[in-house]
Amino acid sequence: MRSFVKQGLREKDVNDIVSYVRSFEKAPLHASARILDSESPIITRESSYSVEETVEKVKTAVAAANMRLIRIQTLDQGFVEGGEENHDQVIVYSCDFGFLNEALKVDPRVGLFLPCRVTVVKHKDKVLVMSINPKRLSQIFNNAELNTLCERMYQVYVNILEEGVM
């Protein structure tokens, strides 16, 4: 590779460019940085209510968490003809847009768990309420900066699920 100095840049310009590029390097993790432990990739609770009643309870829990309800759809919507959807499998989408913006600044991959998706399914005569476990993301992404956000979102998800089955 030809020298940039020979191509007309001053040595100070080259040093400035190198300093600028190096500013993008991540600082080494602080000694206290750690990967969060999680027991499961999903959080699951069992509901004693019907799918419809549980979905209503989840909607109420979403509002109580100061999140915006985005939409409710069957799991198979778009994959089957209209009217043939399985209403025993429902996804409730919601989002806290302030939190979403905060999290995306730390790591854009958080779009995998935001917006919040709570799935309500009837399986073997049981109604289950589930969501992804955000704490698992710090393990997958290996980003210690996400720890606080993942812990916070985990608690929000647990609260929504528990409210949804009470």
N, C-alpha and C. Protein backbone atom coordinates (compact mmCIF):
# COMPACT_ATOMS: atom_id res chain seq x y z
N MET A 1 0.85 -1.17 0.00
CA MET A 1 0.00 0.00 0.00
C MET A 1 0.90 1.24 0.00
N ARG A 2 0.59 2.17 -0.85
CA ARG A 2 1.38 3.39 -0.93
C ARG A 2 1.16 4.26 0.30
N SER A 3 2.16 4.94 0.69
CA SER A 3 2.09 5.83 1.84
C SER A 3 1.12 6.98 1.54
N PHE A 4 0.29 7.31 2.52
CA PHE A 4 -0.63 8.43 2.34
C PHE A 4 0.13 9.76 2.32
N VAL A 5 1.27 9.79 2.98
CA VAL A 5 2.09 11.00 2.97
C VAL A 5 2.56 11.26 1.54
N LYS A 6 2.95 10.19 0.81
CA LYS A 6 3.39 10.33 -0.58
C LYS A 6 2.23 10.67 -1.50
N GLN A 7 1.00 10.44 -1.03
CA GLN A 7 -0.18 10.77 -1.83
C GLN A 7 -0.68 12.18 -1.56
N GLY A 8 0.04 12.93 -0.72
CA GLY A 8 -0.30 14.33 -0.51
C GLY A 8 -0.84 14.69 0.85
N LEU A 9 -1.10 13.71 1.71
CA LEU A 9 -1.57 14.04 3.06
C LEU A 9 -0.37 14.38 3.95
N ARG A 10 -0.61 15.31 4.85
CA ARG A 10 0.44 15.61 5.82
C ARG A 10 0.44 14.55 6.91
N GLU A 11 1.54 14.38 7.57
CA GLU A 11 1.63 13.37 8.63
C GLU A 11 0.61 13.65 9.74
N LYS A 12 0.36 14.92 10.05
CA LYS A 12 -0.64 15.27 11.06
C LYS A 12 -2.03 14.81 10.60
N ASP A 13 -2.35 14.95 9.29
CA ASP A 13 -3.65 14.49 8.78
C ASP A 13 -3.80 12.98 8.96
N VAL A 14 -2.75 12.24 8.64
CA VAL A 14 -2.78 10.78 8.79
C VAL A 14 -3.00 10.42 10.25
N ASN A 15 -2.29 11.09 11.15
CA ASN A 15 -2.44 10.81 12.59
C ASN A 15 -3.86 11.14 13.06
N ASP A 16 -4.43 12.23 12.54
CA ASP A 16 -5.80 12.59 12.91
C ASP A 16 -6.79 11.52 12.45
N ILE A 17 -6.61 11.03 11.24
CA ILE A 17 -7.50 9.99 10.71
C ILE A 17 -7.37 8.71 11.54
N VAL A 18 -6.15 8.33 11.86
CA VAL A 18 -5.93 7.13 12.67
C VAL A 18 -6.57 7.30 14.05
N SER A 19 -6.43 8.46 14.64
CA SER A 19 -7.06 8.71 15.95
C SER A 19 -8.57 8.63 15.85
N TYR A 20 -9.12 9.18 14.78
CA TYR A 20 -10.57 9.14 14.59
C TYR A 20 -11.05 7.70 14.46
N VAL A 21 -10.39 6.91 13.64
CA VAL A 21 -10.79 5.51 13.45
C VAL A 21 -10.66 4.73 14.75
N ARG A 22 -9.59 4.95 15.48
CA ARG A 22 -9.38 4.24 16.75
C ARG A 22 -10.41 4.63 17.80
N SER A 23 -11.03 5.81 17.64
CA SER A 23 -12.05 6.22 18.62
C SER A 23 -13.27 5.32 18.56
N PHE A 24 -13.43 4.55 17.48
CA PHE A 24 -14.55 3.63 17.36
C PHE A 24 -14.32 2.32 18.11
N GLU A 25 -13.08 2.08 18.52
CA GLU A 25 -12.80 0.85 19.27
C GLU A 25 -13.59 0.87 20.56
N LYS A 26 -14.06 -0.28 20.96
CA LYS A 26 -14.75 -0.38 22.24
C LYS A 26 -13.71 -0.43 23.35
N ALA A 27 -14.01 0.26 24.41
CA ALA A 27 -13.14 0.20 25.57
C ALA A 27 -13.25 -1.20 26.17
N PRO A 28 -12.16 -1.69 26.76
CA PRO A 28 -12.26 -3.02 27.38
C PRO A 28 -13.32 -3.01 28.48
N LEU A 29 -13.95 -4.16 28.68
CA LEU A 29 -14.99 -4.27 29.69
C LEU A 29 -14.43 -3.99 31.07
N HIS A 30 -15.21 -3.28 31.84
CA HIS A 30 -14.85 -3.02 33.22
C HIS A 30 -14.78 -4.35 33.95
N ALA A 31 -13.97 -4.42 34.97
CA ALA A 31 -13.78 -5.68 35.70
C ALA A 31 -15.10 -6.24 36.23
N SER A 32 -16.06 -5.36 36.50
CA SER A 32 -17.33 -5.84 37.04
C SER A 32 -18.32 -6.26 35.94
N ALA A 33 -17.96 -6.02 34.67
CA ALA A 33 -18.87 -6.40 33.58
C ALA A 33 -19.00 -7.92 33.56
N ARG A 34 -20.22 -8.36 33.34
CA ARG A 34 -20.46 -9.80 33.33
C ARG A 34 -21.58 -10.10 32.36
N ILE A 35 -21.65 -11.32 31.98
CA ILE A 35 -22.75 -11.79 31.16
C ILE A 35 -23.84 -12.26 32.11
N LEU A 36 -25.08 -11.84 31.84
CA LEU A 36 -26.18 -12.23 32.72
C LEU A 36 -26.47 -13.72 32.59
N ASP A 37 -26.77 -14.33 33.70
CA ASP A 37 -27.19 -15.73 33.68
C ASP A 37 -28.69 -15.76 33.52
N SER A 38 -29.15 -16.71 32.77
CA SER A 38 -30.60 -16.89 32.68
C SER A 38 -30.88 -18.38 32.61
N GLU A 39 -32.01 -18.72 33.14
CA GLU A 39 -32.37 -20.12 33.26
C GLU A 39 -33.01 -20.66 31.99
N SER A 40 -33.60 -19.81 31.18
CA SER A 40 -34.33 -20.28 30.02
C SER A 40 -34.40 -19.18 28.97
N PRO A 41 -34.49 -19.53 27.70
CA PRO A 41 -34.63 -18.49 26.68
C PRO A 41 -36.03 -17.87 26.65
N ILE A 42 -36.99 -18.50 27.31
CA ILE A 42 -38.34 -17.93 27.36
C ILE A 42 -38.83 -17.87 28.80
N ILE A 43 -39.74 -16.93 29.02
CA ILE A 43 -40.42 -16.82 30.31
C ILE A 43 -41.84 -17.35 30.07
N THR A 44 -42.28 -18.27 30.90
CA THR A 44 -43.59 -18.89 30.70
C THR A 44 -44.37 -18.88 32.00
N ARG A 45 -45.65 -18.59 31.87
CA ARG A 45 -46.57 -18.69 33.00
C ARG A 45 -47.82 -19.44 32.50
N GLU A 46 -48.47 -20.15 33.40
CA GLU A 46 -49.69 -20.86 33.06
C GLU A 46 -50.88 -20.06 33.55
N SER A 47 -51.88 -19.93 32.70
CA SER A 47 -53.09 -19.18 33.03
C SER A 47 -54.23 -20.14 33.33
N SER A 48 -55.06 -19.77 34.29
CA SER A 48 -56.24 -20.58 34.58
C SER A 48 -57.46 -20.06 33.80
N TYR A 49 -57.24 -19.06 32.96
CA TYR A 49 -58.31 -18.46 32.17
C TYR A 49 -58.27 -18.98 30.73
N SER A 50 -59.30 -18.66 29.97
CA SER A 50 -59.32 -19.01 28.55
C SER A 50 -58.31 -18.13 27.80
N VAL A 51 -58.05 -18.48 26.56
CA VAL A 51 -57.13 -17.68 25.74
C VAL A 51 -57.65 -16.25 25.65
N GLU A 52 -58.95 -16.08 25.35
CA GLU A 52 -59.53 -14.75 25.18
C GLU A 52 -59.41 -13.93 26.47
N GLU A 53 -59.74 -14.53 27.61
CA GLU A 53 -59.65 -13.83 28.88
C GLU A 53 -58.20 -13.47 29.20
N THR A 54 -57.29 -14.38 28.91
CA THR A 54 -55.87 -14.13 29.19
C THR A 54 -55.35 -13.00 28.32
N VAL A 55 -55.75 -12.97 27.05
CA VAL A 55 -55.33 -11.88 26.17
C VAL A 55 -55.82 -10.54 26.72
N GLU A 56 -57.04 -10.50 27.20
CA GLU A 56 -57.58 -9.26 27.78
C GLU A 56 -56.76 -8.84 29.01
N LYS A 57 -56.40 -9.82 29.83
CA LYS A 57 -55.59 -9.52 31.02
C LYS A 57 -54.20 -9.03 30.63
N VAL A 58 -53.62 -9.62 29.59
CA VAL A 58 -52.31 -9.16 29.10
C VAL A 58 -52.42 -7.73 28.59
N LYS A 59 -53.49 -7.41 27.87
CA LYS A 59 -53.69 -6.05 27.39
C LYS A 59 -53.74 -5.06 28.55
N THR A 60 -54.42 -5.43 29.61
CA THR A 60 -54.50 -4.57 30.80
C THR A 60 -53.12 -4.42 31.44
N ALA A 61 -52.36 -5.51 31.50
CA ALA A 61 -51.01 -5.48 32.08
C ALA A 61 -50.07 -4.61 31.24
N VAL A 62 -50.23 -4.65 29.93
CA VAL A 62 -49.43 -3.81 29.04
C VAL A 62 -49.70 -2.34 29.35
N ALA A 63 -50.95 -1.98 29.47
CA ALA A 63 -51.31 -0.59 29.79
C ALA A 63 -50.75 -0.19 31.15
N ALA A 64 -50.81 -1.10 32.12
CA ALA A 64 -50.29 -0.82 33.46
C ALA A 64 -48.77 -0.62 33.44
N ALA A 65 -48.10 -1.22 32.47
CA ALA A 65 -46.64 -1.07 32.34
C ALA A 65 -46.28 0.18 31.53
N ASN A 66 -47.28 1.02 31.24
CA ASN A 66 -47.08 2.24 30.45
C ASN A 66 -46.51 1.97 29.07
N MET A 67 -46.98 0.87 28.50
CA MET A 67 -46.56 0.51 27.15
C MET A 67 -47.72 0.75 26.20
N ARG A 68 -47.40 0.98 24.95
CA ARG A 68 -48.43 1.19 23.94
C ARG A 68 -48.76 -0.15 23.29
N LEU A 69 -50.03 -0.46 23.24
CA LEU A 69 -50.49 -1.66 22.56
C LEU A 69 -50.39 -1.41 21.05
N ILE A 70 -49.68 -2.27 20.35
CA ILE A 70 -49.48 -2.08 18.91
C ILE A 70 -50.52 -2.86 18.11
N ARG A 71 -50.60 -4.15 18.37
CA ARG A 71 -51.60 -4.97 17.67
C ARG A 71 -51.72 -6.32 18.36
N ILE A 72 -52.81 -7.00 18.02
CA ILE A 72 -53.05 -8.36 18.49
C ILE A 72 -53.36 -9.18 17.24
N GLN A 73 -52.68 -10.31 17.11
CA GLN A 73 -52.93 -11.15 15.94
C GLN A 73 -52.74 -12.61 16.29
N THR A 74 -53.33 -13.47 15.47
CA THR A 74 -53.10 -14.90 15.67
C THR A 74 -51.69 -15.22 15.18
N LEU A 75 -51.14 -16.27 15.74
CA LEU A 75 -49.78 -16.68 15.39
C LEU A 75 -49.64 -17.02 13.92
N ASP A 76 -50.69 -17.56 13.33
CA ASP A 76 -50.62 -18.00 11.94
C ASP A 76 -51.18 -16.98 10.95
N GLN A 77 -51.50 -15.78 11.41
CA GLN A 77 -52.05 -14.75 10.52
C GLN A 77 -51.10 -14.51 9.35
N GLY A 78 -51.65 -14.52 8.15
CA GLY A 78 -50.84 -14.33 6.96
C GLY A 78 -50.32 -15.63 6.37
N PHE A 79 -50.39 -16.69 7.13
CA PHE A 79 -49.93 -18.00 6.65
C PHE A 79 -51.09 -18.89 6.23
N VAL A 80 -52.30 -18.53 6.66
CA VAL A 80 -53.50 -19.29 6.31
C VAL A 80 -54.51 -18.31 5.72
N GLU A 81 -55.51 -18.86 5.06
CA GLU A 81 -56.57 -18.04 4.50
C GLU A 81 -57.29 -17.28 5.62
N GLY A 82 -57.75 -16.08 5.31
CA GLY A 82 -58.51 -15.29 6.27
C GLY A 82 -59.71 -16.07 6.78
N GLY A 83 -59.94 -16.04 8.08
CA GLY A 83 -61.03 -16.77 8.68
C GLY A 83 -60.65 -18.17 9.14
N GLU A 84 -59.48 -18.64 8.73
CA GLU A 84 -59.03 -19.99 9.13
C GLU A 84 -57.94 -19.94 10.21
N GLU A 85 -57.70 -18.75 10.77
CA GLU A 85 -56.65 -18.61 11.78
C GLU A 85 -57.00 -19.41 13.04
N ASN A 86 -55.97 -19.82 13.75
CA ASN A 86 -56.14 -20.54 15.00
C ASN A 86 -56.20 -19.52 16.14
N HIS A 87 -57.36 -19.29 16.69
CA HIS A 87 -57.53 -18.28 17.74
C HIS A 87 -57.11 -18.79 19.11
N ASP A 88 -56.53 -19.98 19.16
CA ASP A 88 -55.94 -20.50 20.40
C ASP A 88 -54.44 -20.20 20.44
N GLN A 89 -53.95 -19.40 19.49
CA GLN A 89 -52.55 -18.99 19.45
C GLN A 89 -52.51 -17.51 19.05
N VAL A 90 -52.24 -16.65 20.02
CA VAL A 90 -52.36 -15.21 19.82
C VAL A 90 -51.07 -14.52 20.26
N ILE A 91 -50.67 -13.49 19.50
CA ILE A 91 -49.52 -12.67 19.89
C ILE A 91 -50.02 -11.27 20.20
N VAL A 92 -49.59 -10.73 21.34
CA VAL A 92 -49.91 -9.36 21.73
C VAL A 92 -48.61 -8.55 21.60
N TYR A 93 -48.62 -7.57 20.70
CA TYR A 93 -47.46 -6.71 20.48
C TYR A 93 -47.66 -5.40 21.22
N SER A 94 -46.62 -4.95 21.92
CA SER A 94 -46.67 -3.66 22.61
C SER A 94 -45.26 -3.09 22.66
N CYS A 95 -45.16 -1.82 23.04
CA CYS A 95 -43.82 -1.22 23.08
C CYS A 95 -43.79 -0.01 24.00
N ASP A 96 -42.69 0.16 24.66
CA ASP A 96 -42.34 1.40 25.37
C ASP A 96 -41.32 2.07 24.46
N PHE A 97 -41.74 3.04 23.67
CA PHE A 97 -40.89 3.61 22.64
C PHE A 97 -39.69 4.36 23.21
N GLY A 98 -39.83 4.96 24.39
CA GLY A 98 -38.69 5.61 25.02
C GLY A 98 -37.61 4.58 25.36
N PHE A 99 -38.04 3.46 25.93
CA PHE A 99 -37.09 2.39 26.25
C PHE A 99 -36.47 1.83 24.97
N LEU A 100 -37.29 1.65 23.93
CA LEU A 100 -36.79 1.14 22.66
C LEU A 100 -35.67 2.01 22.13
N ASN A 101 -35.87 3.32 22.11
CA ASN A 101 -34.82 4.23 21.62
C ASN A 101 -33.57 4.14 22.47
N GLU A 102 -33.74 4.08 23.77
CA GLU A 102 -32.60 3.95 24.69
C GLU A 102 -31.82 2.66 24.40
N ALA A 103 -32.54 1.58 24.23
CA ALA A 103 -31.90 0.28 24.01
C ALA A 103 -31.22 0.21 22.64
N LEU A 104 -31.85 0.77 21.62
CA LEU A 104 -31.25 0.72 20.28
C LEU A 104 -29.94 1.49 20.21
N LYS A 105 -29.79 2.51 21.05
CA LYS A 105 -28.52 3.24 21.11
C LYS A 105 -27.39 2.36 21.65
N VAL A 106 -27.75 1.47 22.57
CA VAL A 106 -26.74 0.57 23.16
C VAL A 106 -26.38 -0.55 22.19
N ASP A 107 -27.40 -1.15 21.57
CA ASP A 107 -27.14 -2.25 20.64
C ASP A 107 -28.36 -2.42 19.74
N PRO A 108 -28.22 -2.18 18.43
CA PRO A 108 -29.37 -2.25 17.53
C PRO A 108 -30.00 -3.64 17.46
N ARG A 109 -29.31 -4.66 17.90
CA ARG A 109 -29.86 -6.02 17.83
C ARG A 109 -31.00 -6.25 18.81
N VAL A 110 -31.25 -5.31 19.72
CA VAL A 110 -32.34 -5.50 20.67
C VAL A 110 -33.69 -5.52 19.97
N GLY A 111 -33.71 -5.19 18.70
CA GLY A 111 -34.94 -5.32 17.93
C GLY A 111 -35.48 -6.74 17.92
N LEU A 112 -34.63 -7.70 18.33
CA LEU A 112 -35.09 -9.09 18.43
C LEU A 112 -36.10 -9.28 19.56
N PHE A 113 -36.00 -8.44 20.60
CA PHE A 113 -36.96 -8.60 21.69
C PHE A 113 -37.82 -7.37 21.92
N LEU A 114 -37.62 -6.36 21.11
CA LEU A 114 -38.47 -5.17 21.17
C LEU A 114 -39.01 -4.92 19.78
N PRO A 115 -40.25 -4.63 19.55
CA PRO A 115 -41.24 -4.41 20.59
C PRO A 115 -41.56 -5.70 21.33
N CYS A 116 -42.17 -5.52 22.46
CA CYS A 116 -42.53 -6.63 23.34
C CYS A 116 -43.57 -7.51 22.65
N ARG A 117 -43.32 -8.80 22.68
CA ARG A 117 -44.28 -9.77 22.14
C ARG A 117 -44.63 -10.75 23.24
N VAL A 118 -45.90 -10.83 23.55
CA VAL A 118 -46.37 -11.82 24.51
C VAL A 118 -47.26 -12.78 23.73
N THR A 119 -46.95 -14.05 23.82
CA THR A 119 -47.69 -15.07 23.10
C THR A 119 -48.57 -15.83 24.08
N VAL A 120 -49.83 -15.97 23.71
CA VAL A 120 -50.79 -16.72 24.52
C VAL A 120 -51.26 -17.89 23.66
N VAL A 121 -51.01 -19.12 24.16
CA VAL A 121 -51.39 -20.31 23.39
C VAL A 121 -52.10 -21.32 24.27
N LYS A 122 -53.00 -22.05 23.65
CA LYS A 122 -53.62 -23.19 24.33
C LYS A 122 -52.84 -24.41 23.86
N HIS A 123 -52.28 -25.14 24.82
CA HIS A 123 -51.47 -26.31 24.50
C HIS A 123 -51.80 -27.42 25.48
N LYS A 124 -52.29 -28.53 24.97
CA LYS A 124 -52.66 -29.67 25.81
C LYS A 124 -53.58 -29.25 26.95
N ASP A 125 -54.65 -28.56 26.62
CA ASP A 125 -55.67 -28.11 27.58
C ASP A 125 -55.14 -27.12 28.62
N LYS A 126 -53.98 -26.53 28.38
CA LYS A 126 -53.44 -25.50 29.27
C LYS A 126 -53.28 -24.22 28.45
N VAL A 127 -53.51 -23.09 29.09
CA VAL A 127 -53.26 -21.81 28.44
C VAL A 127 -51.93 -21.30 28.99
N LEU A 128 -50.98 -21.10 28.08
CA LEU A 128 -49.64 -20.64 28.44
C LEU A 128 -49.44 -19.22 27.94
N VAL A 129 -48.76 -18.43 28.74
CA VAL A 129 -48.40 -17.06 28.38
C VAL A 129 -46.89 -17.01 28.37
N MET A 130 -46.32 -16.55 27.23
CA MET A 130 -44.86 -16.64 27.06
C MET A 130 -44.29 -15.37 26.44
N SER A 131 -43.02 -15.12 26.73
CA SER A 131 -42.26 -14.09 26.03
C SER A 131 -40.79 -14.51 26.05
N ILE A 132 -40.03 -13.86 25.21
CA ILE A 132 -38.59 -14.11 25.18
C ILE A 132 -38.01 -13.63 26.50
N ASN A 133 -36.92 -14.25 26.94
CA ASN A 133 -36.23 -13.83 28.16
C ASN A 133 -35.13 -12.85 27.75
N PRO A 134 -35.30 -11.55 27.98
CA PRO A 134 -34.30 -10.57 27.56
C PRO A 134 -32.93 -10.79 28.19
N LYS A 135 -32.89 -11.41 29.37
CA LYS A 135 -31.60 -11.66 30.00
C LYS A 135 -30.74 -12.59 29.16
N ARG A 136 -31.37 -13.41 28.36
CA ARG A 136 -30.64 -14.34 27.50
C ARG A 136 -29.85 -13.59 26.42
N LEU A 137 -30.32 -12.38 26.08
CA LEU A 137 -29.66 -11.62 25.03
C LEU A 137 -28.25 -11.19 25.40
N SER A 138 -28.02 -10.92 26.67
CA SER A 138 -26.65 -10.55 27.04
C SER A 138 -25.70 -11.72 26.82
N GLN A 139 -26.22 -12.94 26.94
CA GLN A 139 -25.40 -14.12 26.65
C GLN A 139 -25.17 -14.26 25.15
N ILE A 140 -26.24 -14.07 24.37
CA ILE A 140 -26.14 -14.25 22.93
C ILE A 140 -25.30 -13.14 22.30
N PHE A 141 -25.54 -11.89 22.69
CA PHE A 141 -24.88 -10.75 22.07
C PHE A 141 -23.51 -10.45 22.66
N ASN A 142 -23.23 -10.99 23.85
CA ASN A 142 -21.97 -10.74 24.52
C ASN A 142 -21.71 -9.23 24.64
N ASN A 143 -22.71 -8.51 25.10
CA ASN A 143 -22.62 -7.07 25.25
C ASN A 143 -22.99 -6.70 26.68
N ALA A 144 -21.98 -6.46 27.49
CA ALA A 144 -22.21 -6.19 28.90
C ALA A 144 -23.00 -4.90 29.13
N GLU A 145 -22.96 -3.98 28.17
CA GLU A 145 -23.74 -2.75 28.30
C GLU A 145 -25.24 -3.04 28.32
N LEU A 146 -25.63 -4.14 27.73
CA LEU A 146 -27.05 -4.49 27.69
C LEU A 146 -27.56 -5.04 29.02
N ASN A 147 -26.67 -5.41 29.92
CA ASN A 147 -27.10 -6.06 31.16
C ASN A 147 -28.20 -5.30 31.89
N THR A 148 -27.98 -4.02 32.14
CA THR A 148 -28.96 -3.24 32.90
C THR A 148 -30.29 -3.19 32.15
N LEU A 149 -30.22 -2.96 30.84
CA LEU A 149 -31.45 -2.90 30.05
C LEU A 149 -32.16 -4.24 30.02
N CYS A 150 -31.40 -5.32 29.89
CA CYS A 150 -32.01 -6.65 29.84
C CYS A 150 -32.64 -7.01 31.18
N GLU A 151 -31.99 -6.66 32.26
CA GLU A 151 -32.56 -6.90 33.59
C GLU A 151 -33.87 -6.12 33.74
N ARG A 152 -33.85 -4.87 33.30
CA ARG A 152 -35.03 -4.02 33.41
C ARG A 152 -36.18 -4.57 32.57
N MET A 153 -35.89 -4.96 31.34
CA MET A 153 -36.93 -5.48 30.47
C MET A 153 -37.44 -6.83 30.95
N TYR A 154 -36.54 -7.64 31.50
CA TYR A 154 -36.96 -8.93 32.07
C TYR A 154 -38.03 -8.71 33.13
N GLN A 155 -37.81 -7.73 34.01
CA GLN A 155 -38.78 -7.49 35.08
C GLN A 155 -40.10 -6.99 34.51
N VAL A 156 -40.06 -6.17 33.47
CA VAL A 156 -41.29 -5.70 32.83
C VAL A 156 -42.05 -6.89 32.24
N TYR A 157 -41.33 -7.77 31.54
CA TYR A 157 -41.96 -8.94 30.93
C TYR A 157 -42.58 -9.85 31.99
N VAL A 158 -41.85 -10.11 33.06
CA VAL A 158 -42.36 -10.96 34.14
C VAL A 158 -43.62 -10.33 34.74
N ASN A 159 -43.60 -9.03 34.97
CA ASN A 159 -44.79 -8.36 35.52
C ASN A 159 -45.99 -8.49 34.59
N ILE A 160 -45.78 -8.31 33.29
CA ILE A 160 -46.88 -8.44 32.34
C ILE A 160 -47.42 -9.86 32.35
N LEU A 161 -46.53 -10.85 32.30
CA LEU A 161 -46.98 -12.24 32.30
C LEU A 161 -47.73 -12.59 33.58
N GLU A 162 -47.21 -12.16 34.72
CA GLU A 162 -47.87 -12.48 35.97
C GLU A 162 -49.21 -11.78 36.11
N GLU A 163 -49.29 -10.53 35.65
CA GLU A 163 -50.58 -9.83 35.64
C GLU A 163 -51.56 -10.53 34.69
N GLY A 164 -51.03 -11.05 33.61
CA GLY A 164 -51.87 -11.70 32.62
C GLY A 164 -52.48 -13.01 33.08
N VAL A 165 -51.92 -13.61 34.11
CA VAL A 165 -52.45 -14.89 34.58
C VAL A 165 -53.14 -14.77 35.94
N MET A 166 -53.12 -13.58 36.56
CA MET A 166 -53.75 -13.40 37.87
C MET A 166 -55.25 -13.28 37.76
